[in-house]
Amino acid sequence: MRCSHCGAKQHADERQFADARSSQVTCWMCTRPLGVDLPPSDPAPHTIAIHVSVPHAKSGDSRLRGSVDSETASLMLPRDKTINLAVISGPSQGIKCDLSRPLITIGRLGGGADIEIDDPEVSRLHCSVEVRRDAIFLTDLRSTNGTYLGDTRVFGARLDEMSIFRIGSSLLQVGVVSTAEGGCI
């Protein structure tokens, strides 16, 4: 199952719905409720179906292919806040960029990403940061060395204000501020 709001893959244990024909599941990434319908009870294995109004798609590289304007309509930057990324340690320490688009990629210098970091341990297109309404999401783009929140390798995660994540040997921090000055993306 995939969330119809953010596209995150959902895993549900059908035992938690044993006594109901219809129930609510909350998306682990965007925390929005998802409607789940269960098939009628029979001896055959059960299938859980999720109501999906718009399939998830991202834009850009082949790992982000499939962009359609209507499918990315929920991607938007907040009007009253600026979201920025800062490299707080590593070879490119000191780089700070304000996001001017709701979906950006981060990768190695010369690799064609929106934000390029001079770190040999970072993949050409390492990860993406996307803003959907009131949430910020980090997605690993099948990088070689992984994307980490703390000591945990993540493939997708929701970021909070001031979240720090690691790609290669670089630490990056997400900031949310009320005023906008400067920027690079």
Protein backbone atom coordinates (compact mmCIF):
# COMPACT_ATOMS: atom_id res chain seq x y z
CA MET A 1 0.00 0.00 0.00
CA ARG A 2 1.14 3.59 -0.63
CA CYS A 3 -0.02 6.75 1.10
CA SER A 4 -2.17 8.86 -1.22
CA HIS A 5 -0.76 12.05 0.34
CA CYS A 6 3.02 11.52 0.37
CA GLY A 7 3.50 8.20 -1.47
CA ALA A 8 5.23 6.44 1.44
CA LYS A 9 4.95 2.66 1.36
CA GLN A 10 2.64 1.44 4.13
CA HIS A 11 2.77 -1.89 5.89
CA ALA A 12 -0.34 -3.06 7.76
CA ASP A 13 -0.88 -6.23 9.71
CA GLU A 14 -4.33 -7.57 8.82
CA ARG A 15 -4.70 -8.91 12.41
CA GLN A 16 -5.10 -5.32 13.63
CA PHE A 17 -8.27 -5.12 11.49
CA ALA A 18 -9.69 -8.54 12.41
CA ASP A 19 -12.98 -7.24 13.86
CA ALA A 20 -13.68 -4.44 11.36
CA ARG A 21 -14.57 -4.18 7.68
CA SER A 22 -13.23 -0.64 7.41
CA SER A 23 -10.59 0.99 9.61
CA GLN A 24 -8.08 3.84 9.75
CA VAL A 25 -4.33 3.57 9.36
CA THR A 26 -2.03 6.53 9.93
CA CYS A 27 0.82 7.06 7.48
CA TRP A 28 4.16 6.61 9.24
CA MET A 29 5.73 9.44 7.21
CA CYS A 30 3.17 12.24 6.84
CA THR A 31 0.95 11.14 9.78
CA ARG A 32 -2.26 11.55 7.76
CA PRO A 33 -5.10 9.04 8.17
CA LEU A 34 -5.62 6.56 5.33
CA GLY A 35 -8.89 4.76 4.61
CA VAL A 36 -8.46 0.99 4.45
CA ASP A 37 -11.12 -1.45 3.22
CA LEU A 38 -10.82 -5.12 4.02
CA PRO A 39 -12.30 -7.86 1.82
CA PRO A 40 -15.09 -10.08 3.20
CA SER A 41 -13.91 -12.78 5.56
CA ASP A 42 -13.19 -16.14 3.93
CA PRO A 43 -10.63 -18.92 4.34
CA ALA A 44 -8.43 -17.48 1.57
CA PRO A 45 -5.56 -15.11 2.41
CA HIS A 46 -6.70 -11.52 2.94
CA THR A 47 -5.76 -8.55 0.81
CA ILE A 48 -5.80 -5.02 2.20
CA ALA A 49 -6.70 -2.31 -0.31
CA ILE A 50 -5.94 1.38 0.17
CA HIS A 51 -7.86 4.22 -1.48
CA VAL A 52 -5.35 6.00 -3.71
CA SER A 53 -6.55 9.07 -5.54
CA VAL A 54 -3.21 10.12 -7.06
CA PRO A 55 -0.18 7.84 -7.55
CA HIS A 56 3.07 9.05 -6.06
CA ALA A 57 5.56 10.57 -8.47
CA LYS A 58 8.65 12.72 -8.19
CA SER A 59 10.53 14.71 -10.78
CA GLY A 60 14.07 14.87 -12.13
CA ASP A 61 16.56 12.10 -12.77
CA SER A 62 15.62 8.54 -13.70
CA ARG A 63 15.37 7.82 -10.00
CA LEU A 64 12.85 10.67 -9.80
CA ARG A 65 11.11 10.14 -13.15
CA GLY A 66 7.39 10.28 -13.76
CA SER A 67 6.63 13.89 -12.93
CA VAL A 68 3.17 15.11 -13.81
CA ASP A 69 2.02 18.54 -12.63
CA SER A 70 -1.24 17.27 -11.10
CA GLU A 71 0.66 14.57 -9.20
CA THR A 72 3.03 17.08 -7.61
CA ALA A 73 0.33 19.60 -6.70
CA SER A 74 0.83 18.94 -2.97
CA LEU A 75 4.48 19.99 -3.28
CA MET A 76 4.71 23.58 -2.15
CA LEU A 77 6.81 25.87 -0.03
CA PRO A 78 5.14 27.67 2.88
CA ARG A 79 4.45 31.35 2.12
CA ASP A 80 5.40 32.71 5.54
CA LYS A 81 8.57 30.64 6.13
CA THR A 82 11.89 29.92 4.49
CA ILE A 83 13.34 26.42 4.56
CA ASN A 84 17.10 26.20 4.29
CA LEU A 85 19.78 23.54 4.23
CA ALA A 86 23.19 24.10 5.75
CA VAL A 87 26.28 21.89 5.58
CA ILE A 88 27.43 21.97 9.21
CA SER A 89 30.42 19.61 8.89
CA GLY A 90 32.43 17.97 6.14
CA PRO A 91 34.44 19.22 3.14
CA SER A 92 31.74 21.75 2.12
CA GLN A 93 31.08 23.08 5.61
CA GLY A 94 29.53 26.53 5.55
CA ILE A 95 27.34 26.12 2.45
CA LYS A 96 23.83 27.37 3.23
CA CYS A 97 20.97 27.41 0.72
CA ASP A 98 17.39 28.62 0.97
CA LEU A 99 14.96 26.38 -0.90
CA SER A 100 13.07 28.21 -3.64
CA ARG A 101 11.53 25.00 -5.03
CA PRO A 102 9.61 22.33 -3.13
CA LEU A 103 11.75 19.45 -4.49
CA ILE A 104 15.55 19.59 -4.64
CA THR A 105 18.28 17.00 -5.04
CA ILE A 106 21.58 16.86 -3.18
CA GLY A 107 24.65 15.17 -4.61
CA ARG A 108 28.37 15.18 -5.32
CA LEU A 109 30.09 18.19 -6.87
CA GLY A 110 29.83 17.95 -10.68
CA GLY A 111 27.05 15.36 -10.55
CA GLY A 112 24.20 17.61 -11.66
CA ALA A 113 22.25 17.80 -8.38
CA ASP A 114 20.50 21.00 -7.32
CA ILE A 115 22.82 21.31 -4.32
CA GLU A 116 26.31 19.92 -4.92
CA ILE A 117 28.65 18.98 -2.08
CA ASP A 118 32.41 18.50 -2.49
CA ASP A 119 32.48 15.12 -0.71
CA PRO A 120 33.82 12.01 -2.51
CA GLU A 121 31.60 9.76 -0.34
CA VAL A 122 28.42 11.42 -1.66
CA SER A 123 26.74 9.87 -4.72
CA ARG A 124 26.13 11.88 -7.91
CA LEU A 125 22.44 12.19 -6.93
CA HIS A 126 22.46 11.13 -3.31
CA CYS A 127 19.15 12.24 -1.81
CA SER A 128 16.22 14.61 -2.22
CA VAL A 129 14.42 16.98 0.11
CA GLU A 130 10.81 17.76 -0.66
CA VAL A 131 8.27 20.00 0.99
CA ARG A 132 4.65 18.86 0.97
CA ARG A 133 2.28 21.32 2.59
CA ASP A 134 3.44 21.38 6.23
CA ALA A 135 6.00 18.55 6.12
CA ILE A 136 9.59 18.13 4.94
CA PHE A 137 10.69 14.73 3.62
CA LEU A 138 14.16 13.29 3.05
CA THR A 139 14.49 10.48 0.48
CA ASP A 140 17.62 8.49 -0.30
CA LEU A 141 18.03 8.11 -4.08
CA ARG A 142 19.66 4.67 -3.97
CA SER A 143 22.97 6.17 -2.93
CA THR A 144 26.01 3.97 -2.52
CA ASN A 145 26.91 5.03 1.04
CA GLY A 146 23.41 5.74 2.36
CA THR A 147 21.56 8.60 4.03
CA TYR A 148 21.51 8.64 7.82
CA LEU A 149 19.43 10.24 10.58
CA GLY A 150 21.55 9.78 13.68
CA ASP A 151 23.06 6.31 13.35
CA THR A 152 20.11 4.92 11.39
CA ARG A 153 20.23 4.48 7.63
CA VAL A 154 17.00 5.78 6.14
CA PHE A 155 15.40 5.42 2.73
CA GLY A 156 12.70 7.96 3.52
CA ALA A 157 12.05 10.06 6.58
CA ARG A 158 10.07 13.04 7.76
CA LEU A 159 12.33 15.86 8.93
CA ASP A 160 11.59 18.25 11.76
CA GLU A 161 12.81 21.81 12.10
CA MET A 162 16.55 21.68 12.88
CA SER A 163 16.87 17.99 11.88
CA ILE A 164 20.42 16.88 11.10
CA PHE A 165 21.16 14.15 8.58
CA ARG A 166 24.38 12.67 7.17
CA ILE A 167 25.36 11.89 3.61
CA GLY A 168 28.92 10.72 2.99
CA SER A 169 31.12 12.42 5.59
CA SER A 170 28.96 15.58 5.61
CA LEU A 171 26.30 16.62 8.12
CA LEU A 172 23.44 18.77 6.84
CA GLN A 173 20.85 20.60 8.90
CA VAL A 174 17.34 21.67 7.90
CA GLY A 175 16.23 25.04 9.21
CA VAL A 176 12.87 26.77 9.09
CA VAL A 177 12.83 30.55 9.56
CA SER A 178 10.13 33.19 9.26
CA THR A 179 12.09 35.59 7.04
CA ALA A 180 13.92 34.97 3.76
CA GLU A 181 17.31 36.39 2.90
CA GLY A 182 19.56 35.08 0.14
CA GLY A 183 19.53 31.54 -1.16
CA CYS A 184 20.85 29.36 -3.92
CA ILE A 185 18.05 27.04 -5.04
